[in-house]
Amino acid sequence: MNSCIYDCTVMHHRRRPVANTFAYRVFMFCIDLDEVDRLSRRLRLFSAERFNLFSLWRRDHIELGGATVAENVRAFLRSRGIEAGGGSVFLLTHLRTAGYLFNPVSFYLCFDGRGKPLCAVAEVGNTFRELKPYLLGSETFGENTFRKELPKEFYVSPFIDLDVVFDFRIGIPGDKLHIRIDDMARGERVLESTMTGRRRPLTDAQMLLSFLRVPFVTARVIALIHYQAAVLYLKKIPFHRKIEHPELQKDVFQWNR
């Protein structure tokens, strides 16, 4: 497994209380976090901790005192009793594009020293500059996919209750990408979200081509979020304010944008 780009289609299908479906194209980077410095030297359009067309910044992800994104995610794993050791950690994410970033969700794919899947972390973000990591351990792995239901306990969308459950299915990226996150309420699927993609090489030419196909992808994502929020509001779907249930928002990190 090497660093690459995935051309992706994201689909959201709301089942109730009112049906609503939309899909859009994006591209995401899958970065070997132990090769960030080498990639930054090799590629003209990618940098770490400095401005570029595409850039990876430590402050855009969970921070636990480490000097790099890799150190912080390994610190998070240790806090949960998992020692990554010498294994690889890949980050599937949006990078800052021309300096701007919004990440609805990033994924860490962690492997042990023998290259076997160790765990996955879904790092979910909201528009309040907050992040929440969800851990899927080795016991959740089967058929090349991590799968686990976890309490949401995080304010993501004003149109979804905070007391729902996330049903994560995170496939190990290969030539194709398959990830699914469903919102479950009392055993029923309220919202289905999928991300499918096809692998592309991580080169300057491919980065430029991806940018031309989907310009300013991170700005596009936040614009679509607000557009769909307006659609849901006009459909009179119940609106939940963030201040209503602070007790249901747990283990949240601040995103230092």
Protein backbone atom coordinates (compact mmCIF):
# COMPACT_ATOMS: atom_id res chain seq x y z
CA MET A 1 0.00 0.00 0.00
CA ASN A 2 1.43 3.35 -1.08
CA SER A 3 0.36 6.98 -0.85
CA CYS A 4 -2.17 7.85 -3.57
CA ILE A 5 -5.24 9.86 -4.55
CA TYR A 6 -8.79 8.53 -4.76
CA ASP A 7 -11.34 9.96 -7.18
CA CYS A 8 -14.50 9.60 -5.09
CA THR A 9 -18.25 9.80 -5.21
CA VAL A 10 -19.96 10.66 -1.94
CA MET A 11 -23.65 9.82 -1.51
CA HIS A 12 -26.04 10.69 1.33
CA HIS A 13 -29.47 9.11 1.52
CA ARG A 14 -31.85 10.25 4.27
CA ARG A 15 -34.65 7.79 4.93
CA ARG A 16 -36.75 9.75 7.42
CA PRO A 17 -38.56 11.78 8.51
CA VAL A 18 -38.42 13.02 4.90
CA ALA A 19 -36.51 11.29 2.11
CA ASN A 20 -33.61 13.23 0.62
CA THR A 21 -30.71 11.99 -1.52
CA PHE A 22 -27.73 13.76 -3.03
CA ALA A 23 -24.32 12.80 -4.40
CA TYR A 24 -21.21 14.72 -5.37
CA ARG A 25 -17.68 14.17 -6.64
CA VAL A 26 -14.55 14.82 -4.60
CA PHE A 27 -11.01 13.52 -4.43
CA MET A 28 -9.14 12.50 -1.31
CA PHE A 29 -5.52 11.85 -0.47
CA CYS A 30 -4.31 8.63 1.15
CA ILE A 31 -0.98 9.54 2.77
CA ASP A 32 1.55 7.28 4.47
CA LEU A 33 2.22 9.47 7.50
CA ASP A 34 5.77 8.14 7.87
CA GLU A 35 6.60 9.34 4.33
CA VAL A 36 5.27 12.89 4.60
CA ASP A 37 8.72 14.54 4.53
CA ARG A 38 9.83 12.47 1.55
CA LEU A 39 6.62 13.25 -0.33
CA SER A 40 7.03 16.94 0.44
CA ARG A 41 10.51 16.86 -1.12
CA ARG A 42 9.44 14.82 -4.15
CA LEU A 43 6.26 16.66 -5.05
CA ARG A 44 6.01 20.30 -6.07
CA LEU A 45 2.30 20.70 -5.33
CA PHE A 46 2.28 19.04 -1.89
CA SER A 47 3.83 20.33 1.32
CA ALA A 48 3.71 19.64 5.05
CA GLU A 49 3.33 22.49 7.52
CA ARG A 50 3.57 25.18 4.86
CA PHE A 51 1.40 26.68 2.14
CA ASN A 52 1.04 24.94 -1.21
CA LEU A 53 -1.74 24.01 -3.59
CA PHE A 54 -2.19 20.96 -1.30
CA SER A 55 -0.82 20.93 2.22
CA LEU A 56 -0.99 18.75 5.33
CA TRP A 57 -0.99 20.57 8.67
CA ARG A 58 -0.77 19.00 12.12
CA ARG A 59 -3.29 21.49 13.52
CA ASP A 60 -5.99 20.25 11.13
CA HIS A 61 -6.25 16.95 13.02
CA ILE A 62 -6.39 15.78 16.63
CA GLU A 63 -3.51 17.25 18.62
CA LEU A 64 -2.01 15.47 21.64
CA GLY A 65 1.33 17.24 21.90
CA GLY A 66 3.09 15.48 19.06
CA ALA A 67 5.22 17.26 16.48
CA THR A 68 3.50 15.52 13.55
CA VAL A 69 0.14 14.06 12.62
CA ALA A 70 1.70 10.58 12.91
CA GLU A 71 2.87 11.22 16.48
CA ASN A 72 -0.55 12.50 17.51
CA VAL A 73 -2.52 9.57 16.13
CA ARG A 74 -0.10 7.10 17.74
CA ALA A 75 -0.51 8.98 21.02
CA PHE A 76 -4.28 8.66 20.65
CA LEU A 77 -3.94 4.92 20.04
CA ARG A 78 -1.73 4.52 23.14
CA SER A 79 -4.38 6.36 25.18
CA ARG A 80 -6.78 3.62 24.07
CA GLY A 81 -4.35 0.79 24.90
CA ILE A 82 -3.09 0.16 21.36
CA GLU A 83 0.61 0.24 20.52
CA ALA A 84 1.17 0.80 16.80
CA GLY A 85 4.91 0.06 17.09
CA GLY A 86 6.71 0.10 13.77
CA GLY A 87 3.59 -0.37 11.69
CA SER A 88 2.40 2.06 9.03
CA VAL A 89 -0.37 4.61 9.51
CA PHE A 90 -2.20 5.93 6.44
CA LEU A 91 -4.41 9.00 6.53
CA LEU A 92 -7.31 9.23 4.08
CA THR A 93 -8.33 12.88 4.06
CA HIS A 94 -8.85 16.15 2.31
CA LEU A 95 -5.75 18.31 2.35
CA ARG A 96 -5.80 22.07 2.60
CA THR A 97 -6.46 23.26 -0.93
CA ALA A 98 -4.98 26.69 -1.69
CA GLY A 99 -4.95 27.22 2.07
CA TYR A 100 -8.58 26.29 2.81
CA LEU A 101 -9.87 23.16 4.52
CA PHE A 102 -13.05 21.60 5.74
CA ASN A 103 -12.99 17.87 6.50
CA PRO A 104 -16.32 16.17 7.27
CA VAL A 105 -14.37 13.00 8.09
CA SER A 106 -10.84 11.66 7.81
CA PHE A 107 -9.76 8.05 8.29
CA TYR A 108 -6.59 6.61 9.80
CA LEU A 109 -5.77 3.07 8.65
CA CYS A 110 -3.25 1.52 11.04
CA PHE A 111 -1.15 -1.60 10.43
CA ASP A 112 1.13 -3.64 12.66
CA GLY A 113 4.81 -4.33 11.98
CA ARG A 114 3.92 -7.27 9.73
CA GLY A 115 1.59 -5.16 7.59
CA LYS A 116 -1.63 -6.62 9.00
CA PRO A 117 -4.58 -4.31 9.74
CA LEU A 118 -4.42 -3.23 13.38
CA CYS A 119 -7.21 -0.68 13.73
CA ALA A 120 -8.99 2.23 12.07
CA VAL A 121 -9.91 5.66 13.38
CA ALA A 122 -12.67 7.80 11.90
CA GLU A 123 -11.98 11.46 12.71
CA VAL A 124 -15.32 13.26 12.25
CA GLY A 125 -15.41 17.05 12.00
CA ASN A 126 -18.19 19.62 12.29
CA THR A 127 -18.61 23.26 11.32
CA PHE A 128 -17.91 24.38 14.90
CA ARG A 129 -14.20 23.60 14.50
CA GLU A 130 -14.51 20.40 16.51
CA LEU A 131 -13.23 16.87 15.91
CA LYS A 132 -14.15 13.55 17.42
CA PRO A 133 -12.18 10.32 16.81
CA TYR A 134 -13.97 6.97 16.73
CA LEU A 135 -11.80 3.88 17.23
CA LEU A 136 -12.44 0.55 15.51
CA GLY A 137 -10.06 -2.04 16.95
CA SER A 138 -8.68 -5.26 15.50
CA GLU A 139 -11.63 -7.23 16.90
CA THR A 140 -13.89 -5.33 14.47
CA PHE A 141 -11.94 -6.42 11.37
CA GLY A 142 -13.22 -9.03 8.94
CA GLU A 143 -13.54 -9.48 5.18
CA ASN A 144 -11.08 -6.62 4.58
CA THR A 145 -13.32 -4.18 6.45
CA PHE A 146 -13.48 -2.65 9.92
CA ARG A 147 -17.08 -2.56 11.15
CA LYS A 148 -18.49 -1.33 14.45
CA GLU A 149 -21.47 0.54 15.85
CA LEU A 150 -20.51 3.38 18.19
CA PRO A 151 -22.59 6.03 20.00
CA LYS A 152 -22.40 9.30 18.11
CA GLU A 153 -22.08 11.63 21.14
CA PHE A 154 -21.12 14.50 18.83
CA TYR A 155 -22.95 17.37 17.16
CA VAL A 156 -22.47 16.96 13.41
CA SER A 157 -25.71 17.94 11.68
CA PRO A 158 -28.56 20.00 13.16
CA PHE A 159 -30.94 17.64 11.36
CA ILE A 160 -29.83 14.47 13.20
CA ASP A 161 -30.32 13.69 16.90
CA LEU A 162 -27.19 13.44 19.03
CA ASP A 163 -28.32 10.18 20.66
CA VAL A 164 -28.07 8.11 17.48
CA VAL A 165 -25.47 5.43 16.72
CA PHE A 166 -22.89 5.48 13.94
CA ASP A 167 -22.58 2.19 12.02
CA PHE A 168 -19.06 2.33 10.55
CA ARG A 169 -17.86 0.15 7.69
CA ILE A 170 -14.33 1.15 6.70
CA GLY A 171 -12.78 -0.93 3.94
CA ILE A 172 -9.01 -1.20 3.58
CA PRO A 173 -8.19 0.99 0.56
CA GLY A 174 -6.90 -0.82 -2.51
CA ASP A 175 -7.47 -0.18 -6.19
CA LYS A 176 -10.97 0.80 -5.10
CA LEU A 177 -12.30 2.50 -1.99
CA HIS A 178 -15.46 1.50 -0.11
CA ILE A 179 -16.54 3.26 3.09
CA ARG A 180 -19.99 3.53 4.63
CA ILE A 181 -21.27 5.33 7.73
CA ASP A 182 -24.95 5.04 8.65
CA ASP A 183 -26.84 6.91 11.36
CA MET A 184 -28.98 4.48 13.38
CA ALA A 185 -31.88 5.49 15.62
CA ARG A 186 -33.57 2.81 17.70
CA GLY A 187 -32.36 0.11 15.33
CA GLU A 188 -33.49 1.88 12.16
CA ARG A 189 -31.28 3.51 9.54
CA VAL A 190 -31.98 7.22 9.40
CA LEU A 191 -29.15 8.37 7.15
CA GLU A 192 -26.89 6.32 4.86
CA SER A 193 -23.57 7.81 3.74
CA THR A 194 -21.19 6.10 1.34
CA MET A 195 -17.88 6.95 -0.23
CA THR A 196 -16.61 4.97 -3.20
CA GLY A 197 -13.50 5.71 -5.17
CA ARG A 198 -10.84 4.63 -7.62
CA ARG A 199 -7.12 4.81 -6.92
CA ARG A 200 -4.84 7.23 -8.79
CA PRO A 201 -1.07 7.70 -8.44
CA LEU A 202 0.18 10.50 -6.22
CA THR A 203 2.05 12.65 -8.73
CA ASP A 204 2.12 16.36 -9.50
CA ALA A 205 0.36 15.71 -12.79
CA GLN A 206 -2.44 13.75 -11.09
CA MET A 207 -2.85 16.37 -8.36
CA LEU A 208 -3.19 19.11 -10.97
CA LEU A 209 -5.65 17.01 -13.00
CA SER A 210 -7.73 16.30 -9.88
CA PHE A 211 -7.77 20.00 -9.05
CA LEU A 212 -8.92 20.90 -12.56
CA ARG A 213 -11.67 18.27 -12.46
CA VAL A 214 -12.95 19.36 -9.04
CA PRO A 215 -11.57 22.86 -8.41
CA PHE A 216 -11.19 24.02 -4.79
CA VAL A 217 -12.61 20.74 -3.55
CA THR A 218 -12.67 21.68 0.15
CA ALA A 219 -14.60 24.88 -0.54
CA ARG A 220 -16.99 22.83 -2.67
CA VAL A 221 -17.61 20.46 0.24
CA ILE A 222 -18.56 23.20 2.72
CA ALA A 223 -20.72 24.95 0.11
CA LEU A 224 -22.64 21.73 -0.57
CA ILE A 225 -23.13 21.15 3.16
CA HIS A 226 -24.77 24.54 3.56
CA TYR A 227 -26.83 24.11 0.39
CA GLN A 228 -28.19 20.76 1.57
CA ALA A 229 -28.87 22.22 5.02
CA ALA A 230 -31.08 24.81 3.33
CA VAL A 231 -32.87 22.04 1.41
CA LEU A 232 -33.53 20.10 4.62
CA TYR A 233 -34.72 23.23 6.41
CA LEU A 234 -37.21 23.96 3.63
CA LYS A 235 -38.44 20.37 3.91
CA LYS A 236 -39.20 21.18 7.57
CA ILE A 237 -37.02 18.45 9.01
CA PRO A 238 -36.70 18.97 12.81
CA PHE A 239 -33.78 21.23 13.74
CA HIS A 240 -31.57 20.48 16.77
CA ARG A 241 -29.41 23.21 18.29
CA LYS A 242 -25.92 22.44 19.57
CA ILE A 243 -26.59 24.01 22.98
CA GLU A 244 -29.60 21.79 23.70
CA HIS A 245 -27.73 18.64 24.81
CA PRO A 246 -24.13 19.36 25.89
CA GLU A 247 -24.16 16.16 27.96
CA LEU A 248 -24.36 14.15 24.71
CA GLN A 249 -21.17 15.68 23.30
CA LYS A 250 -18.20 13.73 24.67
CA ASP A 251 -14.45 13.36 23.98
CA VAL A 252 -14.42 16.26 21.53
CA PHE A 253 -11.22 17.92 20.31
CA GLN A 254 -10.93 21.50 19.11
CA TRP A 255 -9.75 21.95 15.54
CA ASN A 256 -7.22 24.78 15.50
CA ARG A 257 -8.07 26.11 12.09
